[in-house]
Amino acid sequence: MDPQPDAARAAAAAAIPVPIPGYDDLHACQILPRLEALDARDLARIEERERAGRARPDVLARAEQLRARREHERRLAR
């Protein structure tokens, strides 16, 4: 198995800035509670980073859920 694709994927994911310090060293269980404080834009960055990198289903699902909620709340506030 060639490690290059994995290394390239990790490098591409690391280039996507996220608002959680030390993100790449955290386990999903450490990331999930931190998502609550993020706005829709930051949650979209988390989703992008996850899809480009580790693609952890629980992190992706929670970020998508919270982002949808934030966007819905924003529409209601108009």
PDB file of N, CA and C in Angstrom:
ATOM      1  N   MET A   1       0.844  -1.180   0.000  1.00  0.00           N
ATOM      2  CA  MET A   1       0.000   0.000   0.000  1.00  0.00           C
ATOM      3  C   MET A   1       0.886   1.239   0.000  1.00  0.00           C
ATOM      4  N   ASP A   2       0.625   2.162  -0.875  1.00  0.00           N
ATOM      5  CA  ASP A   2       1.413   3.372  -1.021  1.00  0.00           C
ATOM      6  C   ASP A   2       0.962   4.424  -0.003  1.00  0.00           C
ATOM      7  N   PRO A   3       1.860   4.900   0.874  1.00  0.00           N
ATOM      8  CA  PRO A   3       1.473   5.887   1.883  1.00  0.00           C
ATOM      9  C   PRO A   3       1.283   7.289   1.328  1.00  0.00           C
ATOM     10  N   GLN A   4       1.716   7.541   0.099  1.00  0.00           N
ATOM     11  CA  GLN A   4       1.606   8.875  -0.478  1.00  0.00           C
ATOM     12  C   GLN A   4       0.180   9.407  -0.510  1.00  0.00           C
ATOM     13  N   PRO A   5      -0.812   8.664  -0.991  1.00  0.00           N
ATOM     14  CA  PRO A   5      -2.164   9.217  -1.004  1.00  0.00           C
ATOM     15  C   PRO A   5      -2.647   9.619   0.390  1.00  0.00           C
ATOM     16  N   ASP A   6      -2.337   8.817   1.400  1.00  0.00           N
ATOM     17  CA  ASP A   6      -2.734   9.149   2.764  1.00  0.00           C
ATOM     18  C   ASP A   6      -2.010  10.398   3.249  1.00  0.00           C
ATOM     19  N   ALA A   7      -0.731  10.506   2.941  1.00  0.00           N
ATOM     20  CA  ALA A   7       0.045  11.671   3.350  1.00  0.00           C
ATOM     21  C   ALA A   7      -0.449  12.920   2.640  1.00  0.00           C
ATOM     22  N   ALA A   8      -0.755  12.796   1.358  1.00  0.00           N
ATOM     23  CA  ALA A   8      -1.272  13.942   0.603  1.00  0.00           C
ATOM     24  C   ALA A   8      -2.641  14.361   1.127  1.00  0.00           C
ATOM     25  N   ARG A   9      -3.458  13.391   1.459  1.00  0.00           N
ATOM     26  CA  ARG A   9      -4.792  13.691   1.995  1.00  0.00           C
ATOM     27  C   ARG A   9      -4.681  14.392   3.345  1.00  0.00           C
ATOM     28  N   ALA A  10      -3.797  13.924   4.194  1.00  0.00           N
ATOM     29  CA  ALA A  10      -3.593  14.536   5.505  1.00  0.00           C
ATOM     30  C   ALA A  10      -3.078  15.962   5.365  1.00  0.00           C
ATOM     31  N   ALA A  11      -2.169  16.177   4.430  1.00  0.00           N
ATOM     32  CA  ALA A  11      -1.628  17.520   4.213  1.00  0.00           C
ATOM     33  C   ALA A  11      -2.714  18.467   3.694  1.00  0.00           C
ATOM     34  N   ALA A  12      -3.542  17.987   2.787  1.00  0.00           N
ATOM     35  CA  ALA A  12      -4.630  18.806   2.258  1.00  0.00           C
ATOM     36  C   ALA A  12      -5.620  19.159   3.357  1.00  0.00           C
ATOM     37  N   ALA A  13      -5.937  18.201   4.199  1.00  0.00           N
ATOM     38  CA  ALA A  13      -6.866  18.448   5.300  1.00  0.00           C
ATOM     39  C   ALA A  13      -6.275  19.448   6.286  1.00  0.00           C
ATOM     40  N   ALA A  14      -4.998  19.312   6.598  1.00  0.00           N
ATOM     41  CA  ALA A  14      -4.348  20.206   7.564  1.00  0.00           C
ATOM     42  C   ALA A  14      -4.299  21.644   7.070  1.00  0.00           C
ATOM     43  N   ALA A  15      -4.386  21.838   5.765  1.00  0.00           N
ATOM     44  CA  ALA A  15      -4.350  23.186   5.200  1.00  0.00           C
ATOM     45  C   ALA A  15      -5.673  23.930   5.388  1.00  0.00           C
ATOM     46  N   ILE A  16      -6.721  23.224   5.765  1.00  0.00           N
ATOM     47  CA  ILE A  16      -8.028  23.853   5.978  1.00  0.00           C
ATOM     48  C   ILE A  16      -8.074  24.338   7.428  1.00  0.00           C
ATOM     49  N   PRO A  17      -8.133  25.666   7.625  1.00  0.00           N
ATOM     50  CA  PRO A  17      -8.113  26.179   9.004  1.00  0.00           C
ATOM     51  C   PRO A  17      -9.412  25.878   9.745  1.00  0.00           C
ATOM     52  N   VAL A  18      -9.269  25.486  10.997  1.00  0.00           N
ATOM     53  CA  VAL A  18     -10.433  25.241  11.852  1.00  0.00           C
ATOM     54  C   VAL A  18     -10.240  26.004  13.164  1.00  0.00           C
ATOM     55  N   PRO A  19     -11.340  26.358  13.831  1.00  0.00           N
ATOM     56  CA  PRO A  19     -11.264  27.190  15.029  1.00  0.00           C
ATOM     57  C   PRO A  19     -11.032  26.442  16.344  1.00  0.00           C
ATOM     58  N   ILE A  20     -10.606  25.205  16.257  1.00  0.00           N
ATOM     59  CA  ILE A  20     -10.364  24.423  17.475  1.00  0.00           C
ATOM     60  C   ILE A  20      -8.865  24.126  17.551  1.00  0.00           C
ATOM     61  N   PRO A  21      -8.190  24.729  18.540  1.00  0.00           N
ATOM     62  CA  PRO A  21      -6.745  24.498  18.675  1.00  0.00           C
ATOM     63  C   PRO A  21      -6.426  23.011  18.875  1.00  0.00           C
ATOM     64  N   GLY A  22      -5.363  22.555  18.225  1.00  0.00           N
ATOM     65  CA  GLY A  22      -4.931  21.174  18.370  1.00  0.00           C
ATOM     66  C   GLY A  22      -5.876  20.157  17.757  1.00  0.00           C
ATOM     67  N   TYR A  23      -6.700  20.594  16.812  1.00  0.00           N
ATOM     68  CA  TYR A  23      -7.752  19.757  16.224  1.00  0.00           C
ATOM     69  C   TYR A  23      -7.251  18.384  15.804  1.00  0.00           C
ATOM     70  N   ASP A  24      -6.126  18.344  15.128  1.00  0.00           N
ATOM     71  CA  ASP A  24      -5.635  17.074  14.589  1.00  0.00           C
ATOM     72  C   ASP A  24      -5.212  16.080  15.667  1.00  0.00           C
ATOM     73  N   ASP A  25      -4.966  16.558  16.865  1.00  0.00           N
ATOM     74  CA  ASP A  25      -4.549  15.676  17.959  1.00  0.00           C
ATOM     75  C   ASP A  25      -5.713  15.225  18.832  1.00  0.00           C
ATOM     76  N   LEU A  26      -6.912  15.715  18.531  1.00  0.00           N
ATOM     77  CA  LEU A  26      -8.071  15.405  19.359  1.00  0.00           C
ATOM     78  C   LEU A  26      -8.840  14.192  18.843  1.00  0.00           C
ATOM     79  N   HIS A  27      -9.420  13.475  19.775  1.00  0.00           N
ATOM     80  CA  HIS A  27     -10.330  12.383  19.444  1.00  0.00           C
ATOM     81  C   HIS A  27     -11.716  12.975  19.201  1.00  0.00           C
ATOM     82  N   ALA A  28     -12.545  12.247  18.504  1.00  0.00           N
ATOM     83  CA  ALA A  28     -13.901  12.717  18.212  1.00  0.00           C
ATOM     84  C   ALA A  28     -14.636  13.094  19.493  1.00  0.00           C
ATOM     85  N   CYS A  29     -14.480  12.306  20.539  1.00  0.00           N
ATOM     86  CA  CYS A  29     -15.182  12.598  21.803  1.00  0.00           C
ATOM     87  C   CYS A  29     -14.727  13.910  22.426  1.00  0.00           C
ATOM     88  N   GLN A  30     -13.533  14.379  22.059  1.00  0.00           N
ATOM     89  CA  GLN A  30     -13.045  15.663  22.549  1.00  0.00           C
ATOM     90  C   GLN A  30     -13.522  16.818  21.670  1.00  0.00           C
ATOM     91  N   ILE A  31     -13.789  16.526  20.417  1.00  0.00           N
ATOM     92  CA  ILE A  31     -14.229  17.552  19.466  1.00  0.00           C
ATOM     93  C   ILE A  31     -15.718  17.831  19.601  1.00  0.00           C
ATOM     94  N   LEU A  32     -16.512  16.793  19.765  1.00  0.00           N
ATOM     95  CA  LEU A  32     -17.976  16.937  19.755  1.00  0.00           C
ATOM     96  C   LEU A  32     -18.493  18.026  20.691  1.00  0.00           C
ATOM     97  N   PRO A  33     -18.093  18.080  21.960  1.00  0.00           N
ATOM     98  CA  PRO A  33     -18.637  19.131  22.818  1.00  0.00           C
ATOM     99  C   PRO A  33     -18.190  20.535  22.411  1.00  0.00           C
ATOM    100  N   ARG A  34     -17.059  20.640  21.744  1.00  0.00           N
ATOM    101  CA  ARG A  34     -16.543  21.947  21.325  1.00  0.00           C
ATOM    102  C   ARG A  34     -17.306  22.513  20.132  1.00  0.00           C
ATOM    103  N   LEU A  35     -18.001  21.660  19.411  1.00  0.00           N
ATOM    104  CA  LEU A  35     -18.749  22.118  18.244  1.00  0.00           C
ATOM    105  C   LEU A  35     -19.910  23.029  18.635  1.00  0.00           C
ATOM    106  N   GLU A  36     -20.448  22.833  19.826  1.00  0.00           N
ATOM    107  CA  GLU A  36     -21.607  23.604  20.291  1.00  0.00           C
ATOM    108  C   GLU A  36     -21.374  25.112  20.234  1.00  0.00           C
ATOM    109  N   ALA A  37     -20.163  25.551  20.486  1.00  0.00           N
ATOM    110  CA  ALA A  37     -19.856  26.984  20.562  1.00  0.00           C
ATOM    111  C   ALA A  37     -19.580  27.619  19.200  1.00  0.00           C
ATOM    112  N   LEU A  38     -19.571  26.838  18.136  1.00  0.00           N
ATOM    113  CA  LEU A  38     -19.183  27.357  16.826  1.00  0.00           C
ATOM    114  C   LEU A  38     -20.377  27.880  16.037  1.00  0.00           C
ATOM    115  N   ASP A  39     -20.108  28.873  15.188  1.00  0.00           N
ATOM    116  CA  ASP A  39     -21.156  29.380  14.314  1.00  0.00           C
ATOM    117  C   ASP A  39     -21.197  28.538  13.033  1.00  0.00           C
ATOM    118  N   ALA A  40     -22.158  28.829  12.173  1.00  0.00           N
ATOM    119  CA  ALA A  40     -22.365  28.032  10.958  1.00  0.00           C
ATOM    120  C   ALA A  40     -21.135  28.028  10.063  1.00  0.00           C
ATOM    121  N   ARG A  41     -20.458  29.143   9.970  1.00  0.00           N
ATOM    122  CA  ARG A  41     -19.269  29.224   9.110  1.00  0.00           C
ATOM    123  C   ARG A  41     -18.158  28.311   9.632  1.00  0.00           C
ATOM    124  N   ASP A  42     -17.917  28.355  10.935  1.00  0.00           N
ATOM    125  CA  ASP A  42     -16.886  27.502  11.517  1.00  0.00           C
ATOM    126  C   ASP A  42     -17.259  26.024  11.435  1.00  0.00           C
ATOM    127  N   LEU A  43     -18.532  25.736  11.603  1.00  0.00           N
ATOM    128  CA  LEU A  43     -18.978  24.342  11.472  1.00  0.00           C
ATOM    129  C   LEU A  43     -18.768  23.837  10.048  1.00  0.00           C
ATOM    130  N   ALA A  44     -18.987  24.694   9.068  1.00  0.00           N
ATOM    131  CA  ALA A  44     -18.741  24.308   7.672  1.00  0.00           C
ATOM    132  C   ALA A  44     -17.263  24.010   7.456  1.00  0.00           C
ATOM    133  N   ARG A  45     -16.385  24.758   8.112  1.00  0.00           N
ATOM    134  CA  ARG A  45     -14.940  24.494   8.011  1.00  0.00           C
ATOM    135  C   ARG A  45     -14.592  23.141   8.639  1.00  0.00           C
ATOM    136  N   ILE A  46     -15.224  22.853   9.763  1.00  0.00           N
ATOM    137  CA  ILE A  46     -14.996  21.551  10.400  1.00  0.00           C
ATOM    138  C   ILE A  46     -15.427  20.433   9.450  1.00  0.00           C
ATOM    139  N   GLU A  47     -16.591  20.583   8.843  1.00  0.00           N
ATOM    140  CA  GLU A  47     -17.074  19.568   7.895  1.00  0.00           C
ATOM    141  C   GLU A  47     -16.100  19.399   6.739  1.00  0.00           C
ATOM    142  N   GLU A  48     -15.627  20.507   6.198  1.00  0.00           N
ATOM    143  CA  GLU A  48     -14.685  20.451   5.074  1.00  0.00           C
ATOM    144  C   GLU A  48     -13.398  19.738   5.482  1.00  0.00           C
ATOM    145  N   ARG A  49     -12.880  20.081   6.654  1.00  0.00           N
ATOM    146  CA  ARG A  49     -11.641  19.464   7.152  1.00  0.00           C
ATOM    147  C   ARG A  49     -11.840  17.966   7.359  1.00  0.00           C
ATOM    148  N   GLU A  50     -12.962  17.598   7.955  1.00  0.00           N
ATOM    149  CA  GLU A  50     -13.232  16.168   8.193  1.00  0.00           C
ATOM    150  C   GLU A  50     -13.361  15.405   6.877  1.00  0.00           C
ATOM    151  N   ARG A  51     -14.077  15.952   5.927  1.00  0.00           N
ATOM    152  CA  ARG A  51     -14.246  15.256   4.636  1.00  0.00           C
ATOM    153  C   ARG A  51     -12.917  15.090   3.915  1.00  0.00           C
ATOM    154  N   ALA A  52     -12.034  16.071   4.053  1.00  0.00           N
ATOM    155  CA  ALA A  52     -10.732  16.014   3.397  1.00  0.00           C
ATOM    156  C   ALA A  52      -9.746  15.110   4.133  1.00  0.00           C
ATOM    157  N   GLY A  53     -10.033  14.844   5.391  1.00  0.00           N
ATOM    158  CA  GLY A  53      -9.083  14.081   6.193  1.00  0.00           C
ATOM    159  C   GLY A  53      -9.652  12.795   6.746  1.00  0.00           C
ATOM    160  N   ARG A  54      -9.900  12.795   8.037  1.00  0.00           N
ATOM    161  CA  ARG A  54     -10.267  11.563   8.739  1.00  0.00           C
ATOM    162  C   ARG A  54     -11.706  11.116   8.513  1.00  0.00           C
ATOM    163  N   ALA A  55     -12.562  12.033   8.149  1.00  0.00           N
ATOM    164  CA  ALA A  55     -13.963  11.717   7.815  1.00  0.00           C
ATOM    165  C   ALA A  55     -14.662  10.911   8.917  1.00  0.00           C
ATOM    166  N   ARG A  56     -14.536  11.387  10.148  1.00  0.00           N
ATOM    167  CA  ARG A  56     -15.177  10.697  11.269  1.00  0.00           C
ATOM    168  C   ARG A  56     -16.684  10.948  11.211  1.00  0.00           C
ATOM    169  N   PRO A  57     -17.468   9.875  11.069  1.00  0.00           N
ATOM    170  CA  PRO A  57     -18.915  10.023  10.892  1.00  0.00           C
ATOM    171  C   PRO A  57     -19.607  10.797  12.010  1.00  0.00           C
ATOM    172  N   ASP A  58     -19.195  10.567  13.248  1.00  0.00           N
ATOM    173  CA  ASP A  58     -19.860  11.254  14.358  1.00  0.00           C
ATOM    174  C   ASP A  58     -19.571  12.749  14.364  1.00  0.00           C
ATOM    175  N   VAL A  59     -18.347  13.137  14.018  1.00  0.00           N
ATOM    176  CA  VAL A  59     -18.006  14.559  13.945  1.00  0.00           C
ATOM    177  C   VAL A  59     -18.751  15.209  12.782  1.00  0.00           C
ATOM    178  N   LEU A  60     -18.751  14.555  11.642  1.00  0.00           N
ATOM    179  CA  LEU A  60     -19.463  15.096  10.478  1.00  0.00           C
ATOM    180  C   LEU A  60     -20.956  15.246  10.749  1.00  0.00           C
ATOM    181  N   ALA A  61     -21.564  14.231  11.319  1.00  0.00           N
ATOM    182  CA  ALA A  61     -23.005  14.272  11.567  1.00  0.00           C
ATOM    183  C   ALA A  61     -23.371  15.388  12.539  1.00  0.00           C
ATOM    184  N   ARG A  62     -22.591  15.528  13.610  1.00  0.00           N
ATOM    185  CA  ARG A  62     -22.905  16.566  14.604  1.00  0.00           C
ATOM    186  C   ARG A  62     -22.659  17.959  14.038  1.00  0.00           C
ATOM    187  N   ALA A  63     -21.592  18.143  13.291  1.00  0.00           N
ATOM    188  CA  ALA A  63     -21.320  19.450  12.682  1.00  0.00           C
ATOM    189  C   ALA A  63     -22.419  19.816  11.690  1.00  0.00           C
ATOM    190  N   GLU A  64     -22.847  18.871  10.891  1.00  0.00           N
ATOM    191  CA  GLU A  64     -23.930  19.121   9.928  1.00  0.00           C
ATOM    192  C   GLU A  64     -25.223  19.475  10.648  1.00  0.00           C
ATOM    193  N   GLN A  65     -25.531  18.753  11.721  1.00  0.00           N
ATOM    194  CA  GLN A  65     -26.748  19.001  12.489  1.00  0.00           C
ATOM    195  C   GLN A  65     -26.728  20.399  13.100  1.00  0.00           C
ATOM    196  N   LEU A  66     -25.629  20.756  13.723  1.00  0.00           N
ATOM    197  CA  LEU A  66     -25.531  22.071  14.352  1.00  0.00           C
ATOM    198  C   LEU A  66     -25.536  23.197  13.321  1.00  0.00           C
ATOM    199  N   ARG A  67     -24.860  22.990  12.211  1.00  0.00           N
ATOM    200  CA  ARG A  67     -24.846  24.021  11.157  1.00  0.00           C
ATOM    201  C   ARG A  67     -26.246  24.248  10.617  1.00  0.00           C
ATOM    202  N   ALA A  68     -26.972  23.183  10.371  1.00  0.00           N
ATOM    203  CA  ALA A  68     -28.352  23.314   9.883  1.00  0.00           C
ATOM    204  C   ALA A  68     -29.204  24.069  10.900  1.00  0.00           C
ATOM    205  N   ARG A  69     -29.011  23.770  12.182  1.00  0.00           N
ATOM    206  CA  ARG A  69     -29.768  24.470  13.230  1.00  0.00           C
ATOM    207  C   ARG A  69     -29.424  25.958  13.235  1.00  0.00           C
ATOM    208  N   ARG A  70     -28.127  26.282  13.152  1.00  0.00           N
ATOM    209  CA  ARG A  70     -27.699  27.694  13.155  1.00  0.00           C
ATOM    210  C   ARG A  70     -28.294  28.434  11.956  1.00  0.00           C
ATOM    211  N   GLU A  71     -28.264  27.803  10.805  1.00  0.00           N
ATOM    212  CA  GLU A  71     -28.804  28.448   9.605  1.00  0.00           C
ATOM    213  C   GLU A  71     -30.315  28.620   9.712  1.00  0.00           C
ATOM    214  N   HIS A  72     -31.003  27.659  10.295  1.00  0.00           N
ATOM    215  CA  HIS A  72     -32.445  27.767  10.502  1.00  0.00           C
ATOM    216  C   HIS A  72     -32.759  28.913  11.479  1.00  0.00           C
ATOM    217  N   GLU A  73     -32.018  29.001  12.557  1.00  0.00           N
ATOM    218  CA  GLU A  73     -32.215  30.066  13.543  1.00  0.00           C
ATOM    219  C   GLU A  73     -31.962  31.437  12.906  1.00  0.00           C
ATOM    220  N   ARG A  74     -30.970  31.514  12.046  1.00  0.00           N
ATOM    221  CA  ARG A  74     -30.653  32.781  11.374  1.00  0.00           C
ATOM    222  C   ARG A  74     -31.801  33.201  10.469  1.00  0.00           C
ATOM    223  N   ARG A  75     -32.385  32.239   9.760  1.00  0.00           N
ATOM    224  CA  ARG A  75     -33.527  32.550   8.876  1.00  0.00           C
ATOM    225  C   ARG A  75     -34.741  32.994   9.682  1.00  0.00           C
ATOM    226  N   LEU A  76     -34.971  32.378  10.821  1.00  0.00           N
ATOM    227  CA  LEU A  76     -36.096  32.755  11.672  1.00  0.00           C
ATOM    228  C   LEU A  76     -35.922  34.148  12.260  1.00  0.00           C
ATOM    229  N   ALA A  77     -34.692  34.543  12.497  1.00  0.00           N
ATOM    230  CA  ALA A  77     -34.420  35.840  13.109  1.00  0.00           C
ATOM    231  C   ALA A  77     -34.610  37.013  12.141  1.00  0.00           C
ATOM    232  N   ARG A  78     -34.744  36.733  10.892  1.00  0.00           N
ATOM    233  CA  ARG A  78     -34.908  37.811   9.898  1.00  0.00           C
ATOM    234  C   ARG A  78     -36.246  38.471  10.017  1.00  0.00           C
TER     235      ARG A  78
END
